Amino acid sequence: QVQLVESGGGLVQAGGSLRLSCAASGRTFSSYAMGWFRQAPGKEREFVAAIKWSGASTRYADSVKGRFTISRDNAKNTVYLQMNSLKPEDTAVYYCAVGPYYSDYVAHLMRQYDYWGQGTQVTVSS
């Protein structure tokens, strides 16, 4: 059974940093792309960042480019999202998800992701 557990969320002031983690189990995730999405109150879930199965390529939403960094440790079946220079508009529930298998393309659409975690709340105060 595939399970994704996010952690690291919390309350931070604008300009601060947080590091989210997503621990995966139930599959060899080193063969799959991984992604982070977020959903703010009253808004649709949106893409944040994704990383190729090998870690060699990444993709970011324009709104977080230059501030967020996605990485993975395949030995630990864990993917990370380092978030710097946080803004109040980054406030949302953040979800990690499992993407395509052995793909050279770094997927960014929700429909390309099969399994999802329960989410972790990130709140940025002004």
PDB file of N, CA and C in Angstrom:
ATOM      1  N   GLN A   1       0.844  -1.194   0.000  1.00  0.00           N
ATOM      2  CA  GLN A   1       0.000   0.000   0.000  1.00  0.00           C
ATOM      3  C   GLN A   1       0.878   1.243   0.000  1.00  0.00           C
ATOM      4  N   VAL A   2       0.635   2.113  -0.962  1.00  0.00           N
ATOM      5  CA  VAL A   2       1.411   3.345  -1.073  1.00  0.00           C
ATOM      6  C   VAL A   2       0.980   4.329   0.002  1.00  0.00           C
ATOM      7  N   GLN A   3       1.949   4.905   0.674  1.00  0.00           N
ATOM      8  CA  GLN A   3       1.656   5.900   1.698  1.00  0.00           C
ATOM      9  C   GLN A   3       2.656   7.041   1.597  1.00  0.00           C
ATOM     10  N   LEU A   4       2.134   8.259   1.643  1.00  0.00           N
ATOM     11  CA  LEU A   4       2.950   9.468   1.637  1.00  0.00           C
ATOM     12  C   LEU A   4       2.610  10.273   2.882  1.00  0.00           C
ATOM     13  N   VAL A   5       3.624  10.671   3.635  1.00  0.00           N
ATOM     14  CA  VAL A   5       3.392  11.424   4.858  1.00  0.00           C
ATOM     15  C   VAL A   5       4.226  12.699   4.809  1.00  0.00           C
ATOM     16  N   GLU A   6       3.530  13.833   4.755  1.00  0.00           N
ATOM     17  CA  GLU A   6       4.204  15.130   4.751  1.00  0.00           C
ATOM     18  C   GLU A   6       4.426  15.623   6.181  1.00  0.00           C
ATOM     19  N   SER A   7       5.475  16.394   6.354  1.00  0.00           N
ATOM     20  CA  SER A   7       5.752  17.011   7.644  1.00  0.00           C
ATOM     21  C   SER A   7       6.552  18.290   7.414  1.00  0.00           C
ATOM     22  N   GLY A   8       6.675  19.103   8.472  1.00  0.00           N
ATOM     23  CA  GLY A   8       7.492  20.305   8.397  1.00  0.00           C
ATOM     24  C   GLY A   8       6.721  21.598   8.246  1.00  0.00           C
ATOM     25  N   GLY A   9       5.419  21.503   8.096  1.00  0.00           N
ATOM     26  CA  GLY A   9       4.625  22.720   7.989  1.00  0.00           C
ATOM     27  C   GLY A   9       4.550  23.453   9.312  1.00  0.00           C
ATOM     28  N   GLY A  10       3.984  24.651   9.277  1.00  0.00           N
ATOM     29  CA  GLY A  10       3.840  25.430  10.493  1.00  0.00           C
ATOM     30  C   GLY A  10       3.552  26.885  10.202  1.00  0.00           C
ATOM     31  N   LEU A  11       3.701  27.687  11.235  1.00  0.00           N
ATOM     32  CA  LEU A  11       3.459  29.129  11.143  1.00  0.00           C
ATOM     33  C   LEU A  11       4.808  29.850  11.093  1.00  0.00           C
ATOM     34  N   VAL A  12       4.964  30.730  10.127  1.00  0.00           N
ATOM     35  CA  VAL A  12       6.226  31.465   9.978  1.00  0.00           C
ATOM     36  C   VAL A  12       5.918  32.888   9.526  1.00  0.00           C
ATOM     37  N   GLN A  13       6.776  33.808   9.879  1.00  0.00           N
ATOM     38  CA  GLN A  13       6.600  35.196   9.448  1.00  0.00           C
ATOM     39  C   GLN A  13       7.061  35.359   8.003  1.00  0.00           C
ATOM     40  N   ALA A  14       6.517  36.357   7.361  1.00  0.00           N
ATOM     41  CA  ALA A  14       6.938  36.664   5.997  1.00  0.00           C
ATOM     42  C   ALA A  14       8.446  36.883   5.956  1.00  0.00           C
ATOM     43  N   GLY A  15       9.069  36.321   4.933  1.00  0.00           N
ATOM     44  CA  GLY A  15      10.509  36.391   4.806  1.00  0.00           C
ATOM     45  C   GLY A  15      11.239  35.209   5.414  1.00  0.00           C
ATOM     46  N   GLY A  16      10.511  34.400   6.164  1.00  0.00           N
ATOM     47  CA  GLY A  16      11.106  33.246   6.810  1.00  0.00           C
ATOM     48  C   GLY A  16      11.201  32.033   5.901  1.00  0.00           C
ATOM     49  N   SER A  17      11.632  30.919   6.498  1.00  0.00           N
ATOM     50  CA  SER A  17      11.852  29.687   5.739  1.00  0.00           C
ATOM     51  C   SER A  17      11.227  28.493   6.453  1.00  0.00           C
ATOM     52  N   LEU A  18      10.870  27.514   5.652  1.00  0.00           N
ATOM     53  CA  LEU A  18      10.417  26.219   6.146  1.00  0.00           C
ATOM     54  C   LEU A  18      10.946  25.141   5.212  1.00  0.00           C
ATOM     55  N   ARG A  19      11.118  23.947   5.761  1.00  0.00           N
ATOM     56  CA  ARG A  19      11.497  22.806   4.936  1.00  0.00           C
ATOM     57  C   ARG A  19      10.473  21.701   5.133  1.00  0.00           C
ATOM     58  N   LEU A  20       9.784  21.375   4.054  1.00  0.00           N
ATOM     59  CA  LEU A  20       8.813  20.297   4.088  1.00  0.00           C
ATOM     60  C   LEU A  20       9.480  18.980   3.687  1.00  0.00           C
ATOM     61  N   SER A  21       9.019  17.909   4.295  1.00  0.00           N
ATOM     62  CA  SER A  21       9.491  16.570   3.947  1.00  0.00           C
ATOM     63  C   SER A  21       8.292  15.705   3.580  1.00  0.00           C
ATOM     64  N   CYS A  22       8.534  14.754   2.714  1.00  0.00           N
ATOM     65  CA  CYS A  22       7.500  13.787   2.331  1.00  0.00           C
ATOM     66  C   CYS A  22       8.149  12.412   2.338  1.00  0.00           C
ATOM     67  N   ALA A  23       7.754  11.601   3.304  1.00  0.00           N
ATOM     68  CA  ALA A  23       8.284  10.240   3.415  1.00  0.00           C
ATOM     69  C   ALA A  23       7.337   9.282   2.713  1.00  0.00           C
ATOM     70  N   ALA A  24       7.902   8.486   1.808  1.00  0.00           N
ATOM     71  CA  ALA A  24       7.097   7.575   1.003  1.00  0.00           C
ATOM     72  C   ALA A  24       7.373   6.129   1.382  1.00  0.00           C
ATOM     73  N   SER A  25       6.347   5.315   1.290  1.00  0.00           N
ATOM     74  CA  SER A  25       6.498   3.888   1.565  1.00  0.00           C
ATOM     75  C   SER A  25       5.544   3.091   0.683  1.00  0.00           C
ATOM     76  N   GLY A  26       5.839   1.808   0.549  1.00  0.00           N
ATOM     77  CA  GLY A  26       4.955   0.928  -0.211  1.00  0.00           C
ATOM     78  C   GLY A  26       5.348   0.751  -1.659  1.00  0.00           C
ATOM     79  N   ARG A  27       6.431   1.395  -2.049  1.00  0.00           N
ATOM     80  CA  ARG A  27       6.863   1.301  -3.446  1.00  0.00           C
ATOM     81  C   ARG A  27       8.311   1.772  -3.512  1.00  0.00           C
ATOM     82  N   THR A  28       9.005   1.393  -4.593  1.00  0.00           N
ATOM     83  CA  THR A  28      10.357   1.905  -4.816  1.00  0.00           C
ATOM     84  C   THR A  28      10.231   3.247  -5.521  1.00  0.00           C
ATOM     85  N   PHE A  29      10.216   4.317  -4.766  1.00  0.00           N
ATOM     86  CA  PHE A  29       9.932   5.640  -5.304  1.00  0.00           C
ATOM     87  C   PHE A  29      11.085   6.228  -6.089  1.00  0.00           C
ATOM     88  N   SER A  30      12.228   5.605  -6.036  1.00  0.00           N
ATOM     89  CA  SER A  30      13.349   6.115  -6.808  1.00  0.00           C
ATOM     90  C   SER A  30      13.100   6.051  -8.307  1.00  0.00           C
ATOM     91  N   SER A  31      12.086   5.312  -8.731  1.00  0.00           N
ATOM     92  CA  SER A  31      11.758   5.183 -10.150  1.00  0.00           C
ATOM     93  C   SER A  31      10.661   6.140 -10.606  1.00  0.00           C
ATOM     94  N   TYR A  32      10.163   6.976  -9.695  1.00  0.00           N
ATOM     95  CA  TYR A  32       9.022   7.826  -9.987  1.00  0.00           C
ATOM     96  C   TYR A  32       9.347   9.298  -9.776  1.00  0.00           C
ATOM     97  N   ALA A  33       8.781  10.141 -10.641  1.00  0.00           N
ATOM     98  CA  ALA A  33       8.829  11.570 -10.371  1.00  0.00           C
ATOM     99  C   ALA A  33       8.015  11.861  -9.108  1.00  0.00           C
ATOM    100  N   MET A  34       8.376  12.933  -8.432  1.00  0.00           N
ATOM    101  CA  MET A  34       7.639  13.357  -7.243  1.00  0.00           C
ATOM    102  C   MET A  34       7.325  14.834  -7.385  1.00  0.00           C
ATOM    103  N   GLY A  35       6.193  15.219  -6.830  1.00  0.00           N
ATOM    104  CA  GLY A  35       5.791  16.615  -6.952  1.00  0.00           C
ATOM    105  C   GLY A  35       5.202  17.164  -5.674  1.00  0.00           C
ATOM    106  N   TRP A  36       5.201  18.475  -5.601  1.00  0.00           N
ATOM    107  CA  TRP A  36       4.533  19.202  -4.521  1.00  0.00           C
ATOM    108  C   TRP A  36       3.452  20.085  -5.139  1.00  0.00           C
ATOM    109  N   PHE A  37       2.294  20.077  -4.510  1.00  0.00           N
ATOM    110  CA  PHE A  37       1.183  20.932  -4.896  1.00  0.00           C
ATOM    111  C   PHE A  37       0.696  21.650  -3.648  1.00  0.00           C
ATOM    112  N   ARG A  38      -0.133  22.664  -3.830  1.00  0.00           N
ATOM    113  CA  ARG A  38      -0.685  23.354  -2.675  1.00  0.00           C
ATOM    114  C   ARG A  38      -2.100  23.825  -2.966  1.00  0.00           C
ATOM    115  N   GLN A  39      -2.859  23.994  -1.883  1.00  0.00           N
ATOM    116  CA  GLN A  39      -4.226  24.472  -2.024  1.00  0.00           C
ATOM    117  C   GLN A  39      -4.519  25.475  -0.929  1.00  0.00           C
ATOM    118  N   ALA A  40      -4.789  26.694  -1.349  1.00  0.00           N
ATOM    119  CA  ALA A  40      -5.161  27.759  -0.427  1.00  0.00           C
ATOM    120  C   ALA A  40      -6.670  27.746  -0.231  1.00  0.00           C
ATOM    121  N   PRO A  41      -7.165  28.299   0.882  1.00  0.00           N
ATOM    122  CA  PRO A  41      -8.611  28.317   1.135  1.00  0.00           C
ATOM    123  C   PRO A  41      -9.377  28.971  -0.009  1.00  0.00           C
ATOM    124  N   GLY A  42     -10.388  28.280  -0.494  1.00  0.00           N
ATOM    125  CA  GLY A  42     -11.228  28.827  -1.544  1.00  0.00           C
ATOM    126  C   GLY A  42     -10.624  28.800  -2.933  1.00  0.00           C
ATOM    127  N   LYS A  43      -9.461  28.147  -3.066  1.00  0.00           N
ATOM    128  CA  LYS A  43      -8.786  28.113  -4.370  1.00  0.00           C
ATOM    129  C   LYS A  43      -8.569  26.675  -4.826  1.00  0.00           C
ATOM    130  N   GLU A  44      -8.293  26.539  -6.125  1.00  0.00           N
ATOM    131  CA  GLU A  44      -7.984  25.231  -6.686  1.00  0.00           C
ATOM    132  C   GLU A  44      -6.583  24.801  -6.242  1.00  0.00           C
ATOM    133  N   ARG A  45      -6.392  23.485  -6.199  1.00  0.00           N
ATOM    134  CA  ARG A  45      -5.054  22.962  -5.932  1.00  0.00           C
ATOM    135  C   ARG A  45      -4.155  23.302  -7.120  1.00  0.00           C
ATOM    136  N   GLU A  46      -2.925  23.728  -6.819  1.00  0.00           N
ATOM    137  CA  GLU A  46      -2.024  24.148  -7.884  1.00  0.00           C
ATOM    138  C   GLU A  46      -0.656  23.519  -7.741  1.00  0.00           C
ATOM    139  N   PHE A  47       0.003  23.421  -8.866  1.00  0.00           N
ATOM    140  CA  PHE A  47       1.351  22.882  -8.923  1.00  0.00           C
ATOM    141  C   PHE A  47       2.344  23.834  -8.271  1.00  0.00           C
ATOM    142  N   VAL A  48       3.321  23.259  -7.546  1.00  0.00           N
ATOM    143  CA  VAL A  48       4.377  24.058  -6.933  1.00  0.00           C
ATOM    144  C   VAL A  48       5.747  23.686  -7.517  1.00  0.00           C
ATOM    145  N   ALA A  49       6.091  22.397  -7.422  1.00  0.00           N
ATOM    146  CA  ALA A  49       7.404  21.956  -7.885  1.00  0.00           C
ATOM    147  C   ALA A  49       7.377  20.455  -8.126  1.00  0.00           C
ATOM    148  N   ALA A  50       8.272  19.992  -8.983  1.00  0.00           N
ATOM    149  CA  ALA A  50       8.386  18.565  -9.261  1.00  0.00           C
ATOM    150  C   ALA A  50       9.832  18.217  -9.571  1.00  0.00           C
ATOM    151  N   ILE A  51      10.148  16.940  -9.387  1.00  0.00           N
ATOM    152  CA  ILE A  51      11.510  16.480  -9.606  1.00  0.00           C
ATOM    153  C   ILE A  51      11.485  15.128 -10.313  1.00  0.00           C
ATOM    154  N   LYS A  52      12.362  14.970 -11.270  1.00  0.00           N
ATOM    155  CA  LYS A  52      12.489  13.740 -12.022  1.00  0.00           C
ATOM    156  C   LYS A  52      12.898  12.584 -11.097  1.00  0.00           C
ATOM    157  N   TRP A  53      12.624  11.354 -11.530  1.00  0.00           N
ATOM    158  CA  TRP A  53      12.925  10.184 -10.719  1.00  0.00           C
ATOM    159  C   TRP A  53      14.394  10.155 -10.286  1.00  0.00           C
ATOM    160  N   SER A  54      15.283  10.613 -11.166  1.00  0.00           N
ATOM    161  CA  SER A  54      16.717  10.574 -10.861  1.00  0.00           C
ATOM    162  C   SER A  54      17.178  11.792 -10.065  1.00  0.00           C
ATOM    163  N   GLY A  55      16.330  12.810 -10.009  1.00  0.00           N
ATOM    164  CA  GLY A  55      16.738  14.052  -9.371  1.00  0.00           C
ATOM    165  C   GLY A  55      17.474  14.999 -10.294  1.00  0.00           C
ATOM    166  N   ALA A  56      17.669  14.591 -11.551  1.00  0.00           N
ATOM    167  CA  ALA A  56      18.486  15.369 -12.477  1.00  0.00           C
ATOM    168  C   ALA A  56      17.777  16.596 -13.018  1.00  0.00           C
ATOM    169  N   SER A  57      16.442  16.590 -12.990  1.00  0.00           N
ATOM    170  CA  SER A  57      15.691  17.725 -13.520  1.00  0.00           C
ATOM    171  C   SER A  57      14.608  18.133 -12.537  1.00  0.00           C
ATOM    172  N   THR A  58      14.322  19.421 -12.522  1.00  0.00           N
ATOM    173  CA  THR A  58      13.262  19.948 -11.671  1.00  0.00           C
ATOM    174  C   THR A  58      12.417  20.932 -12.466  1.00  0.00           C
ATOM    175  N   ARG A  59      11.252  21.234 -11.902  1.00  0.00           N
ATOM    176  CA  ARG A  59      10.351  22.191 -12.541  1.00  0.00           C
ATOM    177  C   ARG A  59       9.633  22.943 -11.428  1.00  0.00           C
ATOM    178  N   TYR A  60       9.400  24.244 -11.634  1.00  0.00           N
ATOM    179  CA  TYR A  60       8.765  25.075 -10.612  1.00  0.00           C
ATOM    180  C   TYR A  60       7.664  25.939 -11.212  1.00  0.00           C
ATOM    181  N   ALA A  61       6.685  26.219 -10.379  1.00  0.00           N
ATOM    182  CA  ALA A  61       5.708  27.225 -10.753  1.00  0.00           C
ATOM    183  C   ALA A  61       6.402  28.589 -10.751  1.00  0.00           C
ATOM    184  N   ASP A  62       5.959  29.476 -11.609  1.00  0.00           N
ATOM    185  CA  ASP A  62       6.579  30.798 -11.695  1.00  0.00           C
ATOM    186  C   ASP A  62       6.519  31.530 -10.362  1.00  0.00           C
ATOM    187  N   SER A  63       5.462  31.292  -9.604  1.00  0.00           N
ATOM    188  CA  SER A  63       5.255  32.020  -8.350  1.00  0.00           C
ATOM    189  C   SER A  63       6.280  31.660  -7.276  1.00  0.00           C
ATOM    190  N   VAL A  64       6.958  30.529  -7.422  1.00  0.00           N
ATOM    191  CA  VAL A  64       7.908  30.100  -6.389  1.00  0.00           C
ATOM    192  C   VAL A  64       9.335  30.002  -6.916  1.00  0.00           C
ATOM    193  N   LYS A  65       9.514  30.201  -8.196  1.00  0.00           N
ATOM    194  CA  LYS A  65      10.829  30.066  -8.800  1.00  0.00           C
ATOM    195  C   LYS A  65      11.820  31.030  -8.145  1.00  0.00           C
ATOM    196  N   GLY A  66      12.978  30.521  -7.781  1.00  0.00           N
ATOM    197  CA  GLY A  66      13.995  31.331  -7.127  1.00  0.00           C
ATOM    198  C   GLY A  66      13.868  31.384  -5.614  1.00  0.00           C
ATOM    199  N   ARG A  67      12.731  30.906  -5.084  1.00  0.00           N
ATOM    200  CA  ARG A  67      12.524  30.912  -3.633  1.00  0.00           C
ATOM    201  C   ARG A  67      12.432  29.495  -3.068  1.00  0.00           C
ATOM    202  N   PHE A  68      11.859  28.578  -3.829  1.00  0.00           N
ATOM    203  CA  PHE A  68      11.666  27.202  -3.370  1.00  0.00           C
ATOM    204  C   PHE A  68      12.631  26.279  -4.109  1.00  0.00           C
ATOM    205  N   THR A  69      13.043  25.220  -3.408  1.00  0.00           N
ATOM    206  CA  THR A  69      13.909  24.208  -4.015  1.00  0.00           C
ATOM    207  C   THR A  69      13.406  22.821  -3.662  1.00  0.00           C
ATOM    208  N   ILE A  70      13.164  22.011  -4.673  1.00  0.00           N
ATOM    209  CA  ILE A  70      12.751  20.626  -4.454  1.00  0.00           C
ATOM    210  C   ILE A  70      13.980  19.735  -4.587  1.00  0.00           C
ATOM    211  N   SER A  71      14.042  18.724  -3.736  1.00  0.00           N
ATOM    212  CA  SER A  71      15.138  17.764  -3.797  1.00  0.00           C
ATOM    213  C   SER A  71      14.625  16.413  -3.328  1.00  0.00           C
ATOM    214  N   ARG A  72      15.430  15.380  -3.514  1.00  0.00           N
ATOM    215  CA  ARG A  72      15.011  14.052  -3.073  1.00  0.00           C
ATOM    216  C   ARG A  72      16.211  13.247  -2.620  1.00  0.00           C
ATOM    217  N   ASP A  73      15.934  12.330  -1.720  1.00  0.00           N
ATOM    218  CA  ASP A  73      16.937  11.373  -1.257  1.00  0.00           C
ATOM    219  C   ASP A  73      16.334   9.996  -1.498  1.00  0.00           C
ATOM    220  N   ASN A  74      16.701   9.373  -2.591  1.00  0.00           N
ATOM    221  CA  ASN A  74      16.090   8.096  -2.967  1.00  0.00           C
ATOM    222  C   ASN A  74      16.437   6.983  -1.985  1.00  0.00           C
ATOM    223  N   ALA A  75      17.577   7.088  -1.338  1.00  0.00           N
ATOM    224  CA  ALA A  75      17.942   6.074  -0.348  1.00  0.00           C
ATOM    225  C   ALA A  75      16.981   6.112   0.845  1.00  0.00           C
ATOM    226  N   LYS A  76      16.419   7.287   1.107  1.00  0.00           N
ATOM    227  CA  LYS A  76      15.494   7.447   2.233  1.00  0.00           C
ATOM    228  C   LYS A  76      14.040   7.505   1.781  1.00  0.00           C
ATOM    229  N   ASN A  77      13.803   7.371   0.468  1.00  0.00           N
ATOM    230  CA  ASN A  77      12.430   7.458  -0.064  1.00  0.00           C
ATOM    231  C   ASN A  77      11.751   8.752   0.398  1.00  0.00           C
ATOM    232  N   THR A  78      12.477   9.834   0.351  1.00  0.00           N
ATOM    233  CA  THR A  78      11.977  11.109   0.859  1.00  0.00           C
ATOM    234  C   THR A  78      12.223  12.217  -0.152  1.00  0.00           C
ATOM    235  N   VAL A  79      11.236  13.088  -0.281  1.00  0.00           N
ATOM    236  CA  VAL A  79      11.369  14.276  -1.109  1.00  0.00           C
ATOM    237  C   VAL A  79      11.180  15.498  -0.217  1.00  0.00           C
ATOM    238  N   TYR A  80      11.907  16.555  -0.539  1.00  0.00           N
ATOM    239  CA  TYR A  80      11.910  17.756   0.292  1.00  0.00           C
ATOM    240  C   TYR A  80      11.471  18.976  -0.513  1.00  0.00           C
ATOM    241  N   LEU A  81      10.978  19.969   0.198  1.00  0.00           N
ATOM    242  CA  LEU A  81      10.699  21.268  -0.413  1.00  0.00           C
ATOM    243  C   LEU A  81      11.229  22.336   0.536  1.00  0.00           C
ATOM    244  N   GLN A  82      12.344  22.933   0.156  1.00  0.00           N
ATOM    245  CA  GLN A  82      12.909  24.036   0.924  1.00  0.00           C
ATOM    246  C   GLN A  82      12.248  25.327   0.457  1.00  0.00           C
ATOM    247  N   MET A  83      11.624  26.029   1.384  1.00  0.00           N
ATOM    248  CA  MET A  83      10.888  27.240   1.042  1.00  0.00           C
ATOM    249  C   MET A  83      11.529  28.424   1.744  1.00  0.00           C
ATOM    250  N   ASN A  84      12.061  29.340   0.976  1.00  0.00           N
ATOM    251  CA  ASN A  84      12.697  30.549   1.507  1.00  0.00           C
ATOM    252  C   ASN A  84      11.917  31.781   1.078  1.00  0.00           C
ATOM    253  N   SER A  85      12.194  32.882   1.744  1.00  0.00           N
ATOM    254  CA  SER A  85      11.546  34.168   1.420  1.00  0.00           C
ATOM    255  C   SER A  85      10.034  34.007   1.312  1.00  0.00           C
ATOM    256  N   LEU A  86       9.463  33.361   2.293  1.00  0.00           N
ATOM    257  CA  LEU A  86       8.030  33.059   2.250  1.00  0.00           C
ATOM    258  C   LEU A  86       7.187  34.324   2.285  1.00  0.00           C
ATOM    259  N   LYS A  87       6.063  34.252   1.584  1.00  0.00           N
ATOM    260  CA  LYS A  87       5.129  35.370   1.495  1.00  0.00           C
ATOM    261  C   LYS A  87       3.766  34.924   2.017  1.00  0.00           C
ATOM    262  N   PRO A  88       2.945  35.866   2.450  1.00  0.00           N
ATOM    263  CA  PRO A  88       1.598  35.479   2.917  1.00  0.00           C
ATOM    264  C   PRO A  88       0.812  34.702   1.869  1.00  0.00           C
ATOM    265  N   GLU A  89       1.028  34.986   0.602  1.00  0.00           N
ATOM    266  CA  GLU A  89       0.312  34.262  -0.449  1.00  0.00           C
ATOM    267  C   GLU A  89       0.789  32.821  -0.631  1.00  0.00           C
ATOM    268  N   ASP A  90       1.836  32.418   0.081  1.00  0.00           N
ATOM    269  CA  ASP A  90       2.262  31.021   0.078  1.00  0.00           C
ATOM    270  C   ASP A  90       1.456  30.186   1.074  1.00  0.00           C
ATOM    271  N   THR A  91       0.622  30.831   1.867  1.00  0.00           N
ATOM    272  CA  THR A  91      -0.204  30.123   2.839  1.00  0.00           C
ATOM    273  C   THR A  91      -1.133  29.144   2.136  1.00  0.00           C
ATOM    274  N   ALA A  92      -1.048  27.876   2.538  1.00  0.00           N
ATOM    275  CA  ALA A  92      -1.830  26.826   1.887  1.00  0.00           C
ATOM    276  C   ALA A  92      -1.552  25.501   2.589  1.00  0.00           C
ATOM    277  N   VAL A  93      -2.336  24.503   2.234  1.00  0.00           N
ATOM    278  CA  VAL A  93      -2.002  23.125   2.578  1.00  0.00           C
ATOM    279  C   VAL A  93      -1.134  22.580   1.447  1.00  0.00           C
ATOM    280  N   TYR A  94       0.001  22.022   1.815  1.00  0.00           N
ATOM    281  CA  TYR A  94       0.949  21.520   0.822  1.00  0.00           C
ATOM    282  C   TYR A  94       0.874  19.993   0.779  1.00  0.00           C
ATOM    283  N   TYR A  95       0.787  19.468  -0.436  1.00  0.00           N
ATOM    284  CA  TYR A  95       0.663  18.036  -0.658  1.00  0.00           C
ATOM    285  C   TYR A  95       1.824  17.525  -1.506  1.00  0.00           C
ATOM    286  N   CYS A  96       2.336  16.360  -1.160  1.00  0.00           N
ATOM    287  CA  CYS A  96       3.262  15.705  -2.080  1.00  0.00           C
ATOM    288  C   CYS A  96       2.515  14.601  -2.815  1.00  0.00           C
ATOM    289  N   ALA A  97       3.050  14.222  -3.956  1.00  0.00           N
ATOM    290  CA  ALA A  97       2.368  13.245  -4.801  1.00  0.00           C
ATOM    291  C   ALA A  97       3.372  12.468  -5.643  1.00  0.00           C
ATOM    292  N   VAL A  98       2.965  11.273  -6.056  1.00  0.00           N
ATOM    293  CA  VAL A  98       3.792  10.400  -6.881  1.00  0.00           C
ATOM    294  C   VAL A  98       3.427  10.598  -8.341  1.00  0.00           C
ATOM    295  N   GLY A  99       4.434  10.867  -9.169  1.00  0.00           N
ATOM    296  CA  GLY A  99       4.217  11.147 -10.578  1.00  0.00           C
ATOM    297  C   GLY A  99       4.576   9.985 -11.480  1.00  0.00           C
ATOM    298  N   PRO A 100       4.870  10.305 -12.748  1.00  0.00           N
ATOM    299  CA  PRO A 100       5.125   9.256 -13.746  1.00  0.00           C
ATOM    300  C   PRO A 100       6.351   8.402 -13.450  1.00  0.00           C
ATOM    301  N   TYR A 101       6.309   7.189 -13.987  1.00  0.00           N
ATOM    302  CA  TYR A 101       7.376   6.208 -13.796  1.00  0.00           C
ATOM    303  C   TYR A 101       8.441   6.383 -14.870  1.00  0.00           C
ATOM    304  N   TYR A 102       9.691   6.545 -14.418  1.00  0.00           N
ATOM    305  CA  TYR A 102      10.842   6.594 -15.323  1.00  0.00           C
ATOM    306  C   TYR A 102      10.650   7.531 -16.514  1.00  0.00           C
ATOM    307  N   SER A 103      10.079   8.694 -16.267  1.00  0.00           N
ATOM    308  CA  SER A 103       9.840   9.636 -17.354  1.00  0.00           C
ATOM    309  C   SER A 103      10.931  10.704 -17.402  1.00  0.00           C
ATOM    310  N   ASP A 104      11.328  11.072 -18.620  1.00  0.00           N
ATOM    311  CA  ASP A 104      12.275  12.170 -18.782  1.00  0.00           C
ATOM    312  C   ASP A 104      11.570  13.526 -18.684  1.00  0.00           C
ATOM    313  N   TYR A 105      10.273  13.493 -18.773  1.00  0.00           N
ATOM    314  CA  TYR A 105       9.466  14.723 -18.692  1.00  0.00           C
ATOM    315  C   TYR A 105       9.078  14.970 -17.242  1.00  0.00           C
ATOM    316  N   VAL A 106       9.298  16.180 -16.739  1.00  0.00           N
ATOM    317  CA  VAL A 106       8.951  16.506 -15.358  1.00  0.00           C
ATOM    318  C   VAL A 106       7.508  16.995 -15.340  1.00  0.00           C
ATOM    319  N   ALA A 107       6.615  16.114 -14.917  1.00  0.00           N
ATOM    320  CA  ALA A 107       5.173  16.385 -14.963  1.00  0.00           C
ATOM    321  C   ALA A 107       4.774  17.490 -13.999  1.00  0.00           C
ATOM    322  N   HIS A 108       3.768  18.280 -14.401  1.00  0.00           N
ATOM    323  CA  HIS A 108       3.301  19.364 -13.550  1.00  0.00           C
ATOM    324  C   HIS A 108       1.778  19.437 -13.463  1.00  0.00           C
ATOM    325  N   LEU A 109       1.082  18.492 -14.095  1.00  0.00           N
ATOM    326  CA  LEU A 109      -0.378  18.488 -14.057  1.00  0.00           C
ATOM    327  C   LEU A 109      -0.871  17.507 -13.019  1.00  0.00           C
ATOM    328  N   MET A 110      -1.909  17.854 -12.306  1.00  0.00           N
ATOM    329  CA  MET A 110      -2.433  16.997 -11.245  1.00  0.00           C
ATOM    330  C   MET A 110      -2.799  15.612 -11.759  1.00  0.00           C
ATOM    331  N   ARG A 111      -3.345  15.554 -12.973  1.00  0.00           N
ATOM    332  CA  ARG A 111      -3.816  14.275 -13.489  1.00  0.00           C
ATOM    333  C   ARG A 111      -2.661  13.312 -13.785  1.00  0.00           C
ATOM    334  N   GLN A 112      -1.458  13.814 -13.764  1.00  0.00           N
ATOM    335  CA  GLN A 112      -0.287  12.965 -13.998  1.00  0.00           C
ATOM    336  C   GLN A 112       0.236  12.332 -12.707  1.00  0.00           C
ATOM    337  N   TYR A 113      -0.409  12.648 -11.597  1.00  0.00           N
ATOM    338  CA  TYR A 113       0.033  12.154 -10.293  1.00  0.00           C
ATOM    339  C   TYR A 113      -1.009  11.196  -9.727  1.00  0.00           C
ATOM    340  N   ASP A 114      -0.531  10.055  -9.232  1.00  0.00           N
ATOM    341  CA  ASP A 114      -1.435   8.979  -8.848  1.00  0.00           C
ATOM    342  C   ASP A 114      -1.743   8.916  -7.367  1.00  0.00           C
ATOM    343  N   TYR A 115      -0.763   9.135  -6.527  1.00  0.00           N
ATOM    344  CA  TYR A 115      -0.941   8.984  -5.090  1.00  0.00           C
ATOM    345  C   TYR A 115      -0.595  10.302  -4.397  1.00  0.00           C
ATOM    346  N   TRP A 116      -1.368  10.586  -3.339  1.00  0.00           N
ATOM    347  CA  TRP A 116      -1.251  11.868  -2.652  1.00  0.00           C
ATOM    348  C   TRP A 116      -1.136  11.667  -1.149  1.00  0.00           C
ATOM    349  N   GLY A 117      -0.393  12.566  -0.508  1.00  0.00           N
ATOM    350  CA  GLY A 117      -0.347  12.582   0.938  1.00  0.00           C
ATOM    351  C   GLY A 117      -1.545  13.319   1.509  1.00  0.00           C
ATOM    352  N   GLN A 118      -1.572  13.419   2.831  1.00  0.00           N
ATOM    353  CA  GLN A 118      -2.716  14.057   3.505  1.00  0.00           C
ATOM    354  C   GLN A 118      -2.541  15.570   3.622  1.00  0.00           C
ATOM    355  N   GLY A 119      -1.340  16.042   3.350  1.00  0.00           N
ATOM    356  CA  GLY A 119      -1.079  17.480   3.357  1.00  0.00           C
ATOM    357  C   GLY A 119      -0.536  17.988   4.681  1.00  0.00           C
ATOM    358  N   THR A 120       0.175  19.103   4.601  1.00  0.00           N
ATOM    359  CA  THR A 120       0.685  19.781   5.786  1.00  0.00           C
ATOM    360  C   THR A 120       0.432  21.275   5.630  1.00  0.00           C
ATOM    361  N   GLN A 121      -0.038  21.900   6.700  1.00  0.00           N
ATOM    362  CA  GLN A 121      -0.434  23.315   6.632  1.00  0.00           C
ATOM    363  C   GLN A 121       0.792  24.218   6.758  1.00  0.00           C
ATOM    364  N   VAL A 122       0.870  25.172   5.855  1.00  0.00           N
ATOM    365  CA  VAL A 122       1.876  26.234   5.925  1.00  0.00           C
ATOM    366  C   VAL A 122       1.139  27.559   6.019  1.00  0.00           C
ATOM    367  N   THR A 123       1.438  28.323   7.068  1.00  0.00           N
ATOM    368  CA  THR A 123       0.807  29.621   7.261  1.00  0.00           C
ATOM    369  C   THR A 123       1.892  30.686   7.382  1.00  0.00           C
ATOM    370  N   VAL A 124       1.815  31.688   6.538  1.00  0.00           N
ATOM    371  CA  VAL A 124       2.810  32.766   6.531  1.00  0.00           C
ATOM    372  C   VAL A 124       2.104  34.047   6.962  1.00  0.00           C
ATOM    373  N   SER A 125       2.557  34.604   8.071  1.00  0.00           N
ATOM    374  CA  SER A 125       1.950  35.838   8.585  1.00  0.00           C
ATOM    375  C   SER A 125       2.692  37.062   8.053  1.00  0.00           C
ATOM    376  N   SER A 126       1.940  38.133   7.895  1.00  0.00           N
ATOM    377  CA  SER A 126       2.539  39.367   7.353  1.00  0.00           C
ATOM    378  C   SER A 126       3.081  40.252   8.454  1.00  0.00           C
TER     379      SER A 126
END
